[in-house]
Amino acid sequence: RELCLDLYDSCAEMESILGRFEDVKGRVDEVLQRGRTLQEKLRAYSTLIKSIAFQGKKNDAASTAIAVLGCLGESFPSTPNESTVQEELVKTQAMLGAKKQDDILNMKLMQDADKREVMKLLAIAFQCDYAGNRTYVPLLLCRMVQLSLTFGLSRESAMAFAFYGFLISGFLNDRDIGSRFGKLALAMLDKFHKGECLVWVYGAVYGFISNWTDPIQASLPCLKHAVDVGLLTGDTEAAMLSAHLYVGTALHSGYQLEKLMDETNVYAKQMLEYNQNLTHTLNAPLRQTILNLLGRSANPVKLVGDEMNEDFLLQSAEENSHEVLRSMISLFRMWLAYLFGEYHLAAETAEKNQDFGEKTALSRFDPVCCHTFYNGLTALILARKEGQSKWTSTIESTTRRMEVLSSSSQWNCQHKLELMKAEYAYLEGNHSESANLYESAAKLAEKHHFIHDQALSLERAGMFYLENGNDTAASIMFEKSFSCYTKWGAYSKAAHLKRLYL
């Protein structure tokens, strides 16, 4: 009998990996009908939840996982609220107390088999809920940390501590906390077979935590490694999520666009092959943005081309309440609108996404920084053209936000802050300070290997000199900017700049 259930479970898992979801249901139903205890059915439930998630129904998958967890004695409120989350955070922090990294690393391994199964289900529920409505994310992470502190460490504990650190650092606005928990999670990998949990831990640390404090370029090889390990171990969901994180991080870091497009095409094909359709859809705005910058679309400002149609995808995101996808489309629409001089469109798009990055403690650095930067720059330009009154609030809030970001990571943000300050000095009529700040922004961007931001700083400096009658200096700046855009691979932007100024 045990062998029979094991065979059905194995077949269901294989069908799920191959994307044969109708067959998965048949195999799982056999186990659920024949199994006499919940323990005998848990493996089948896990496969069922994953197969639902693979089909893009993340909220349904999370709800199913929450229901099964309730049967295992780990109940959650049907409608979590801010008060519930706060109580769990306080409880978890109290349990952590003054524990140091070594205290946690030296804890015993989890011996209770039922609790190990609970940890696996909690991990699956978290992964599904994060990609869905994120209703239970804080509660799931707190519960995983609490169980680890009470019953010992499991292989899911490393991922739990990493994401918990990221969560709590967001609530407290102290990114050093996230960094410490990230290092704890990486050290915890040595307690287990790394391949079993490395992908999710690397995704957490290098996709969500490290960029708030460390050079963004340093995370790229780690995310690529996570992709390779995930594919090798059969964790295709985590592998493709890491691929998505890699593409986004690379784009924001100024990675050479032609090379990035080649790599992205490989990942996009794999996402479809492994039925990671939701991740493939989330990745579409990135792919189309790269194509637009490369000059492979009819209109570089509109996300319409080989990979997506922004109107159709936005409609789908709104109909399905997919906030992450909607925010991503708006982010890249704003970025492209600004780059190609359509400032009112950029401002309008930013306004619709005004709370981006501040709605939840689980926001990633790259899009938050990008939104802050281009929202601020757009407001500064329009304030100079139309008067400050309408734009003062946005200028002040984005500048404060960039100052906070820069205080945590000067490498990633100081040159951006310098450019915002240059534009503000220009707005205030302080031309001498403006010239120095434009130069500082360009030099810092070059020093820190952000060629796209170097190109932008030089372009804005060129506009500054041109508008103030120094055609010679303007020409020099525009030539340098054109060279940087070309090296980056943004051929449509280079052509745009050449058509206007060279």
Protein backbone atom coordinates (compact mmCIF):
# COMPACT_ATOMS: atom_id res chain seq x y z
CA ARG A 1 0.00 0.00 0.00
CA GLU A 2 2.76 2.45 0.90
CA LEU A 3 4.54 1.63 -2.36
CA CYS A 4 1.31 2.22 -4.31
CA LEU A 5 0.82 5.67 -2.79
CA ASP A 6 4.48 6.47 -3.41
CA LEU A 7 4.14 5.55 -7.08
CA TYR A 8 1.06 7.72 -7.51
CA ASP A 9 2.83 10.61 -5.76
CA SER A 10 5.91 10.21 -7.96
CA CYS A 11 3.82 10.10 -11.13
CA ALA A 12 1.90 13.22 -10.05
CA GLU A 13 5.16 15.08 -9.41
CA MET A 14 6.53 14.09 -12.81
CA GLU A 15 3.33 15.13 -14.59
CA SER A 16 3.50 18.49 -12.80
CA ILE A 17 7.10 19.07 -13.88
CA LEU A 18 6.12 18.23 -17.47
CA GLY A 19 3.15 20.58 -17.32
CA ARG A 20 0.48 17.89 -17.76
CA PHE A 21 -1.81 19.40 -15.17
CA GLU A 22 -4.95 17.41 -16.02
CA ASP A 23 -2.99 14.21 -15.44
CA VAL A 24 -1.69 15.64 -12.16
CA LYS A 25 -5.23 15.99 -10.86
CA GLY A 26 -6.03 12.37 -11.67
CA ARG A 27 -2.94 11.05 -9.86
CA VAL A 28 -3.49 13.33 -6.86
CA ASP A 29 -7.16 12.35 -6.58
CA GLU A 30 -6.14 8.70 -6.33
CA VAL A 31 -3.85 9.44 -3.37
CA LEU A 32 -6.42 11.67 -1.65
CA GLN A 33 -9.07 8.97 -1.99
CA ARG A 34 -6.84 6.08 -0.93
CA GLY A 35 -4.87 7.86 1.80
CA ARG A 36 -6.17 7.17 5.30
CA THR A 37 -4.33 9.88 7.20
CA LEU A 38 -3.42 13.47 6.51
CA GLN A 39 0.25 12.51 6.61
CA GLU A 40 -0.29 10.05 3.75
CA LYS A 41 -1.95 12.83 1.72
CA LEU A 42 0.54 15.64 2.38
CA ARG A 43 2.86 14.86 -0.52
CA ALA A 44 -0.10 14.81 -2.89
CA TYR A 45 -1.40 18.09 -1.51
CA SER A 46 2.03 19.66 -2.05
CA THR A 47 2.06 18.51 -5.66
CA LEU A 48 -1.50 19.76 -6.18
CA ILE A 49 -0.66 23.19 -4.75
CA LYS A 50 2.45 23.49 -6.91
CA SER A 51 0.56 22.45 -10.04
CA ILE A 52 -2.11 25.09 -9.36
CA ALA A 53 0.65 27.66 -8.94
CA PHE A 54 2.39 26.53 -12.15
CA GLN A 55 -0.82 27.37 -14.02
CA GLY A 56 -0.59 30.97 -12.78
CA LYS A 57 -3.32 30.59 -10.16
CA LYS A 58 -1.10 31.75 -7.31
CA ASN A 59 -3.91 33.00 -5.08
CA ASP A 60 -5.81 29.70 -5.41
CA ALA A 61 -2.62 27.79 -4.64
CA ALA A 62 -1.94 29.91 -1.55
CA SER A 63 -5.52 29.47 -0.31
CA THR A 64 -5.28 25.70 -0.72
CA ALA A 65 -2.00 25.64 1.18
CA ILE A 66 -3.46 27.74 4.00
CA ALA A 67 -6.41 25.33 4.27
CA VAL A 68 -4.12 22.27 4.49
CA LEU A 69 -1.95 24.03 7.08
CA GLY A 70 -5.07 24.56 9.18
CA CYS A 71 -5.60 20.78 9.20
CA LEU A 72 -2.03 20.43 10.48
CA GLY A 73 -2.69 22.75 13.41
CA GLU A 74 -1.20 25.88 11.88
CA SER A 75 -4.21 28.14 11.40
CA PHE A 76 -4.27 31.66 10.00
CA PRO A 77 -6.99 34.35 10.11
CA SER A 78 -9.22 34.45 7.06
CA THR A 79 -8.67 38.19 6.63
CA PRO A 80 -5.31 39.28 8.08
CA ASN A 81 -5.06 42.96 9.00
CA GLU A 82 -2.31 45.34 10.05
CA SER A 83 -2.90 44.61 13.72
CA THR A 84 -2.52 40.85 13.17
CA VAL A 85 0.73 41.36 11.28
CA GLN A 86 2.06 43.68 13.99
CA GLU A 87 1.29 41.13 16.71
CA GLU A 88 3.14 38.37 14.84
CA LEU A 89 6.15 40.59 14.18
CA VAL A 90 6.37 41.56 17.85
CA LYS A 91 6.02 37.91 18.90
CA THR A 92 8.75 36.81 16.48
CA GLN A 93 11.10 39.59 17.52
CA ALA A 94 10.57 38.64 21.16
CA MET A 95 11.47 35.02 20.39
CA LEU A 96 14.60 36.14 18.56
CA GLY A 97 15.49 38.34 21.53
CA ALA A 98 19.21 39.00 21.75
CA LYS A 99 20.17 35.85 19.83
CA LYS A 100 23.32 36.27 17.78
CA GLN A 101 24.06 34.63 14.45
CA ASP A 102 26.09 31.83 16.04
CA ASP A 103 23.30 31.09 18.53
CA ILE A 104 20.90 30.43 15.66
CA LEU A 105 23.42 28.56 13.52
CA ASN A 106 24.23 26.22 16.41
CA MET A 107 20.60 25.27 16.97
CA LYS A 108 19.65 21.61 16.57
CA LEU A 109 18.05 20.35 13.39
CA MET A 110 14.27 19.89 13.33
CA GLN A 111 13.46 16.32 14.41
CA ASP A 112 9.66 16.40 14.40
CA ALA A 113 8.59 14.93 11.04
CA ASP A 114 5.20 16.65 11.14
CA LYS A 115 6.82 20.04 11.72
CA ARG A 116 9.17 19.43 8.80
CA GLU A 117 6.14 18.84 6.59
CA VAL A 118 4.56 21.99 7.95
CA MET A 119 7.70 23.96 7.07
CA LYS A 120 7.59 22.63 3.51
CA LEU A 121 3.95 23.66 3.13
CA LEU A 122 4.62 27.06 4.68
CA ALA A 123 7.42 27.62 2.18
CA ILE A 124 5.14 26.67 -0.73
CA ALA A 125 2.35 28.91 0.62
CA PHE A 126 4.78 31.82 0.95
CA GLN A 127 6.10 31.40 -2.58
CA CYS A 128 2.56 31.34 -3.98
CA ASP A 129 1.24 34.21 -1.87
CA TYR A 130 4.20 36.44 -2.67
CA ALA A 131 3.50 36.02 -6.40
CA GLY A 132 -0.22 36.62 -5.74
CA ASN A 133 -1.98 39.03 -3.41
CA ARG A 134 0.64 38.87 -0.63
CA THR A 135 -2.15 38.64 1.93
CA TYR A 136 -0.37 36.16 4.19
CA VAL A 137 3.32 36.80 3.42
CA PRO A 138 4.29 38.43 6.76
CA LEU A 139 2.33 35.85 8.78
CA LEU A 140 3.83 32.91 6.89
CA LEU A 141 7.38 34.17 7.34
CA CYS A 142 6.84 34.85 11.04
CA ARG A 143 5.41 31.36 11.54
CA MET A 144 8.37 29.73 9.79
CA VAL A 145 10.85 31.63 11.95
CA GLN A 146 8.88 30.82 15.11
CA LEU A 147 8.78 27.10 14.30
CA SER A 148 12.51 27.11 13.53
CA LEU A 149 13.30 28.76 16.87
CA THR A 150 11.02 26.31 18.73
CA PHE A 151 11.65 22.99 17.00
CA GLY A 152 15.02 23.45 15.30
CA LEU A 153 16.27 24.25 11.82
CA SER A 154 14.98 22.70 8.61
CA ARG A 155 16.15 23.31 5.06
CA GLU A 156 13.31 25.85 4.66
CA SER A 157 14.59 27.84 7.64
CA ALA A 158 17.34 29.50 5.63
CA MET A 159 14.86 30.95 3.15
CA ALA A 160 12.54 31.94 6.02
CA PHE A 161 15.24 33.87 7.91
CA ALA A 162 16.39 35.60 4.71
CA PHE A 163 12.93 36.84 3.72
CA TYR A 164 12.00 37.60 7.33
CA GLY A 165 15.07 39.82 7.62
CA PHE A 166 14.06 41.58 4.42
CA LEU A 167 10.51 42.01 5.73
CA ILE A 168 11.49 43.38 9.14
CA SER A 169 14.13 45.69 7.64
CA GLY A 170 11.42 47.15 5.39
CA PHE A 171 9.06 47.75 8.32
CA LEU A 172 11.84 49.39 10.36
CA ASN A 173 13.44 51.09 7.32
CA ASP A 174 16.81 49.68 8.46
CA ARG A 175 18.39 47.77 5.57
CA ASP A 176 21.37 46.70 7.69
CA ILE A 177 18.99 44.31 9.49
CA GLY A 178 18.14 42.69 6.18
CA SER A 179 21.81 42.37 5.36
CA ARG A 180 22.52 40.61 8.68
CA PHE A 181 19.69 38.13 8.18
CA GLY A 182 20.86 37.56 4.60
CA LYS A 183 24.32 36.62 5.85
CA LEU A 184 22.73 34.33 8.43
CA ALA A 185 20.73 32.57 5.71
CA LEU A 186 23.82 32.08 3.54
CA ALA A 187 25.74 30.65 6.48
CA MET A 188 22.80 28.35 7.25
CA LEU A 189 23.16 26.73 3.81
CA ASP A 190 26.20 24.85 5.09
CA LYS A 191 23.95 22.87 7.44
CA PHE A 192 22.05 21.32 4.53
CA HIS A 193 22.63 19.99 1.05
CA LYS A 194 23.01 23.35 -0.67
CA GLY A 195 21.17 22.45 -3.83
CA GLU A 196 17.99 21.77 -1.85
CA CYS A 197 17.56 25.34 -0.64
CA LEU A 198 20.26 27.42 -2.33
CA VAL A 199 18.03 28.70 -5.13
CA TRP A 200 15.44 30.30 -2.89
CA VAL A 201 18.04 31.64 -0.46
CA TYR A 202 20.10 33.16 -3.25
CA GLY A 203 16.92 34.61 -4.74
CA ALA A 204 16.07 36.18 -1.39
CA VAL A 205 19.55 37.49 -0.63
CA TYR A 206 20.69 38.63 -4.07
CA GLY A 207 17.30 39.47 -5.54
CA PHE A 208 15.74 41.23 -2.54
CA ILE A 209 18.28 42.09 0.16
CA SER A 210 21.82 42.83 -0.98
CA ASN A 211 21.10 45.57 -3.53
CA TRP A 212 19.81 47.86 -0.79
CA THR A 213 23.35 48.06 0.60
CA ASP A 214 25.85 46.44 -1.81
CA PRO A 215 26.87 47.20 -5.42
CA ILE A 216 24.03 45.99 -7.60
CA GLN A 217 26.39 44.44 -10.15
CA ALA A 218 27.74 42.04 -7.49
CA SER A 219 24.42 40.18 -7.33
CA LEU A 220 24.36 39.20 -11.01
CA PRO A 221 26.70 36.15 -10.96
CA CYS A 222 24.93 34.87 -7.83
CA LEU A 223 21.51 35.08 -9.49
CA LYS A 224 22.84 33.30 -12.58
CA HIS A 225 24.24 30.59 -10.33
CA ALA A 226 20.82 30.23 -8.71
CA VAL A 227 19.29 29.68 -12.16
CA ASP A 228 21.82 26.96 -12.97
CA VAL A 229 21.35 25.18 -9.63
CA GLY A 230 17.56 25.36 -9.89
CA LEU A 231 17.57 23.78 -13.33
CA LEU A 232 20.04 21.13 -12.20
CA THR A 233 17.97 20.16 -9.15
CA GLY A 234 14.59 20.34 -10.92
CA ASP A 235 13.33 23.40 -9.04
CA THR A 236 12.27 25.11 -12.25
CA GLU A 237 9.96 27.59 -10.51
CA ALA A 238 12.76 29.02 -8.36
CA ALA A 239 15.19 28.87 -11.29
CA MET A 240 12.92 30.93 -13.54
CA LEU A 241 12.14 33.40 -10.76
CA SER A 242 15.90 33.87 -10.33
CA ALA A 243 16.18 34.38 -14.09
CA HIS A 244 13.52 37.07 -13.91
CA LEU A 245 15.33 38.76 -11.02
CA TYR A 246 18.60 38.54 -12.94
CA VAL A 247 17.18 40.23 -16.05
CA GLY A 248 15.65 43.07 -14.02
CA THR A 249 18.77 43.62 -11.95
CA ALA A 250 20.99 43.55 -15.04
CA LEU A 251 18.81 46.10 -16.85
CA HIS A 252 18.89 48.49 -13.89
CA SER A 253 22.66 48.06 -13.55
CA GLY A 254 23.45 49.22 -17.09
CA TYR A 255 24.33 45.77 -18.42
CA GLN A 256 25.12 45.73 -22.16
CA LEU A 257 21.73 45.46 -23.81
CA GLU A 258 22.50 43.24 -26.80
CA LYS A 259 24.15 40.66 -24.57
CA LEU A 260 21.31 40.94 -22.06
CA MET A 261 18.70 40.41 -24.79
CA ASP A 262 20.46 37.23 -25.93
CA GLU A 263 20.47 35.88 -22.36
CA THR A 264 16.88 36.99 -21.79
CA ASN A 265 15.67 35.16 -24.90
CA VAL A 266 17.15 31.94 -23.55
CA TYR A 267 15.44 32.43 -20.19
CA ALA A 268 12.11 33.36 -21.81
CA LYS A 269 12.18 30.17 -23.84
CA GLN A 270 12.94 28.13 -20.71
CA MET A 271 10.08 29.81 -18.83
CA LEU A 272 7.67 28.59 -21.47
CA GLU A 273 9.24 25.13 -21.69
CA TYR A 274 8.88 24.67 -17.93
CA ASN A 275 5.35 26.13 -17.87
CA GLN A 276 6.37 29.08 -15.74
CA ASN A 277 3.81 31.21 -17.50
CA LEU A 278 3.26 33.77 -14.77
CA THR A 279 6.99 34.47 -14.50
CA HIS A 280 7.14 34.71 -18.30
CA THR A 281 4.35 37.30 -18.20
CA LEU A 282 5.99 39.26 -15.38
CA ASN A 283 9.19 39.29 -17.40
CA ALA A 284 7.51 40.65 -20.55
CA PRO A 285 7.82 44.38 -19.65
CA LEU A 286 11.56 43.86 -19.14
CA ARG A 287 11.98 42.11 -22.48
CA GLN A 288 9.99 44.75 -24.34
CA THR A 289 11.87 47.59 -22.65
CA ILE A 290 15.17 46.09 -23.79
CA LEU A 291 13.82 45.73 -27.33
CA ASN A 292 12.63 49.34 -27.31
CA LEU A 293 16.05 50.59 -26.21
CA LEU A 294 17.76 48.44 -28.82
CA GLY A 295 15.60 50.08 -31.49
CA ARG A 296 13.57 46.95 -32.26
CA SER A 297 10.09 48.45 -31.87
CA ALA A 298 7.99 50.89 -33.85
CA ASN A 299 7.70 53.39 -30.98
CA PRO A 300 10.42 53.41 -28.29
CA VAL A 301 8.06 54.95 -25.72
CA LYS A 302 5.23 52.42 -26.00
CA LEU A 303 5.64 48.88 -24.67
CA VAL A 304 4.21 47.39 -27.83
CA GLY A 305 6.11 44.90 -29.94
CA ASP A 306 7.26 41.31 -30.17
CA GLU A 307 6.94 40.63 -26.43
CA MET A 308 3.79 42.45 -25.33
CA ASN A 309 1.12 45.07 -25.91
CA GLU A 310 0.98 47.40 -22.91
CA ASP A 311 -2.74 48.14 -23.25
CA PHE A 312 -3.76 44.47 -23.34
CA LEU A 313 -1.40 43.46 -20.55
CA LEU A 314 -2.43 46.39 -18.33
CA GLN A 315 -6.07 45.48 -18.82
CA SER A 316 -5.31 41.88 -17.87
CA ALA A 317 -3.35 43.00 -14.79
CA GLU A 318 -6.19 45.22 -13.62
CA GLU A 319 -8.88 42.60 -14.27
CA ASN A 320 -6.91 40.01 -12.28
CA SER A 321 -5.82 42.48 -9.55
CA HIS A 322 -2.17 41.77 -10.37
CA GLU A 323 -0.56 44.76 -8.70
CA VAL A 324 3.03 43.67 -9.32
CA LEU A 325 2.54 43.37 -13.09
CA ARG A 326 0.63 46.65 -13.28
CA SER A 327 3.38 48.45 -11.36
CA MET A 328 6.12 47.00 -13.56
CA ILE A 329 4.41 48.10 -16.77
CA SER A 330 3.92 51.60 -15.36
CA LEU A 331 7.53 51.77 -14.18
CA PHE A 332 9.03 51.04 -17.58
CA ARG A 333 6.51 53.24 -19.39
CA MET A 334 7.60 56.13 -17.15
CA TRP A 335 11.31 55.39 -17.67
CA LEU A 336 11.00 55.28 -21.47
CA ALA A 337 8.74 58.35 -21.59
CA TYR A 338 11.32 60.34 -19.64
CA LEU A 339 14.28 59.12 -21.71
CA PHE A 340 12.60 60.14 -24.96
CA GLY A 341 11.48 63.54 -23.71
CA GLU A 342 7.77 62.88 -23.21
CA TYR A 343 7.77 64.40 -19.74
CA HIS A 344 4.05 64.89 -19.28
CA LEU A 345 3.43 61.24 -20.15
CA ALA A 346 6.15 60.26 -17.65
CA ALA A 347 4.54 62.42 -14.96
CA GLU A 348 1.08 61.07 -15.68
CA THR A 349 2.34 57.48 -15.48
CA ALA A 350 4.24 58.19 -12.26
CA GLU A 351 1.13 59.76 -10.71
CA LYS A 352 -0.85 56.55 -11.31
CA ASN A 353 1.91 54.63 -9.58
CA GLN A 354 2.59 57.25 -6.91
CA ASP A 355 2.87 54.90 -3.92
CA PHE A 356 5.21 52.54 -5.73
CA GLY A 357 7.66 50.90 -3.35
CA GLU A 358 6.05 52.26 -0.20
CA LYS A 359 2.87 50.15 -0.05
CA THR A 360 4.66 47.13 1.35
CA ALA A 361 7.83 46.30 3.21
CA LEU A 362 8.46 43.60 0.60
CA SER A 363 9.60 45.98 -2.16
CA ARG A 364 12.75 45.34 -4.18
CA PHE A 365 15.48 47.95 -4.40
CA ASP A 366 15.87 48.15 -8.19
CA PRO A 367 12.32 49.25 -9.12
CA VAL A 368 11.95 51.46 -6.03
CA CYS A 369 15.17 53.31 -6.86
CA CYS A 370 14.26 53.59 -10.55
CA HIS A 371 10.79 54.97 -9.80
CA THR A 372 12.14 57.48 -7.28
CA PHE A 373 14.85 58.64 -9.69
CA TYR A 374 12.76 59.20 -12.81
CA ASN A 375 9.73 60.51 -10.94
CA GLY A 376 11.97 63.12 -9.33
CA LEU A 377 13.78 64.05 -12.54
CA THR A 378 10.48 64.40 -14.40
CA ALA A 379 9.10 66.75 -11.74
CA LEU A 380 12.30 68.83 -11.80
CA ILE A 381 12.15 69.34 -15.56
CA LEU A 382 8.45 70.23 -15.57
CA ALA A 383 8.94 72.59 -12.62
CA ARG A 384 11.56 74.48 -14.63
CA LYS A 385 9.26 74.65 -17.65
CA GLU A 386 5.94 75.34 -15.92
CA GLY A 387 6.72 76.73 -12.48
CA GLN A 388 7.43 74.98 -9.21
CA SER A 389 4.13 75.08 -7.34
CA LYS A 390 2.59 71.95 -8.85
CA TRP A 391 5.77 69.90 -8.57
CA THR A 392 7.27 70.96 -5.24
CA SER A 393 5.84 68.06 -3.24
CA THR A 394 7.11 65.42 -5.69
CA ILE A 395 10.56 67.04 -5.87
CA GLU A 396 10.89 67.13 -2.09
CA SER A 397 9.59 63.60 -1.48
CA THR A 398 11.71 61.95 -4.19
CA THR A 399 14.84 63.83 -3.11
CA ARG A 400 14.34 62.75 0.50
CA ARG A 401 13.76 59.19 -0.66
CA MET A 402 16.92 59.19 -2.78
CA GLU A 403 18.91 60.60 0.14
CA VAL A 404 17.74 57.67 2.28
CA LEU A 405 18.59 55.19 -0.46
CA SER A 406 22.01 56.74 -0.94
CA SER A 407 22.75 56.62 2.79
CA SER A 408 22.38 52.81 2.60
CA SER A 409 24.19 52.37 -0.72
CA GLN A 410 26.29 55.22 -2.06
CA TRP A 411 27.60 52.97 -4.82
CA ASN A 412 24.15 52.44 -6.32
CA CYS A 413 22.58 55.82 -5.60
CA GLN A 414 25.01 58.68 -5.00
CA HIS A 415 25.37 59.54 -8.68
CA LYS A 416 21.58 59.55 -9.06
CA LEU A 417 21.26 61.91 -6.10
CA GLU A 418 23.95 64.17 -7.58
CA LEU A 419 22.03 64.41 -10.86
CA MET A 420 18.80 65.25 -9.02
CA LYS A 421 20.67 67.93 -7.08
CA ALA A 422 22.13 69.28 -10.33
CA GLU A 423 18.67 69.62 -11.81
CA TYR A 424 17.42 71.30 -8.63
CA ALA A 425 20.31 73.77 -8.61
CA TYR A 426 19.47 74.58 -12.24
CA LEU A 427 15.83 75.06 -11.25
CA GLU A 428 16.94 77.50 -8.54
CA GLY A 429 19.19 79.40 -10.96
CA ASN A 430 22.48 78.34 -9.34
CA HIS A 431 24.33 77.63 -12.58
CA SER A 432 27.81 77.27 -11.13
CA GLU A 433 26.65 74.60 -8.66
CA SER A 434 24.66 72.89 -11.43
CA ALA A 435 27.71 72.53 -13.67
CA ASN A 436 29.75 70.98 -10.84
CA LEU A 437 26.97 68.56 -9.88
CA TYR A 438 26.40 67.40 -13.48
CA GLU A 439 30.11 66.66 -13.74
CA SER A 440 30.11 64.86 -10.37
CA ALA A 441 27.09 62.74 -11.36
CA ALA A 442 28.70 61.67 -14.64
CA LYS A 443 32.03 60.83 -13.01
CA LEU A 444 30.45 58.84 -10.18
CA ALA A 445 28.26 56.91 -12.61
CA GLU A 446 31.34 56.04 -14.66
CA LYS A 447 33.31 55.06 -11.56
CA HIS A 448 30.54 52.76 -10.37
CA HIS A 449 29.93 51.24 -13.82
CA PHE A 450 26.43 52.63 -14.48
CA ILE A 451 26.97 53.55 -18.12
CA HIS A 452 23.28 54.30 -18.72
CA ASP A 453 23.24 56.82 -15.87
CA GLN A 454 26.53 58.26 -17.08
CA ALA A 455 24.94 58.77 -20.50
CA LEU A 456 21.93 60.47 -18.93
CA SER A 457 24.05 62.76 -16.73
CA LEU A 458 26.08 63.85 -19.76
CA GLU A 459 22.91 64.41 -21.80
CA ARG A 460 21.33 66.56 -19.08
CA ALA A 461 24.58 68.50 -18.77
CA GLY A 462 24.51 69.08 -22.53
CA MET A 463 20.95 70.43 -22.31
CA PHE A 464 22.01 72.69 -19.43
CA TYR A 465 24.89 74.19 -21.43
CA LEU A 466 22.82 74.49 -24.61
CA GLU A 467 20.01 76.32 -22.84
CA ASN A 468 22.55 78.70 -21.33
CA GLY A 469 24.30 79.56 -24.61
CA ASN A 470 27.47 77.47 -24.27
CA ASP A 471 27.21 75.54 -27.54
CA THR A 472 30.78 74.24 -27.41
CA ALA A 473 30.42 72.63 -23.97
CA ALA A 474 26.98 71.31 -24.96
CA SER A 475 28.37 69.64 -28.07
CA ILE A 476 31.11 67.94 -26.04
CA MET A 477 28.57 66.61 -23.52
CA PHE A 478 26.23 65.35 -26.23
CA GLU A 479 29.06 63.54 -28.05
CA LYS A 480 30.10 61.81 -24.83
CA SER A 481 26.49 60.93 -24.03
CA PHE A 482 25.96 59.51 -27.51
CA SER A 483 29.04 57.33 -27.07
CA CYS A 484 27.77 55.99 -23.71
CA TYR A 485 24.28 55.24 -25.00
CA THR A 486 25.82 53.41 -27.96
CA LYS A 487 28.12 51.35 -25.74
CA TRP A 488 25.16 50.45 -23.53
CA GLY A 489 23.31 49.28 -26.64
CA ALA A 490 20.47 51.84 -26.42
CA TYR A 491 20.57 52.53 -30.15
CA SER A 492 17.08 54.07 -30.30
CA LYS A 493 18.03 56.55 -27.56
CA ALA A 494 21.39 57.29 -29.21
CA ALA A 495 19.56 58.00 -32.48
CA HIS A 496 17.06 60.20 -30.62
CA LEU A 497 19.88 62.25 -29.08
CA LYS A 498 21.73 62.53 -32.41
CA ARG A 499 18.60 63.68 -34.22
CA LEU A 500 18.01 66.46 -31.67
CA TYR A 501 21.49 67.68 -30.82
CA LEU A 502 24.27 66.34 -33.10
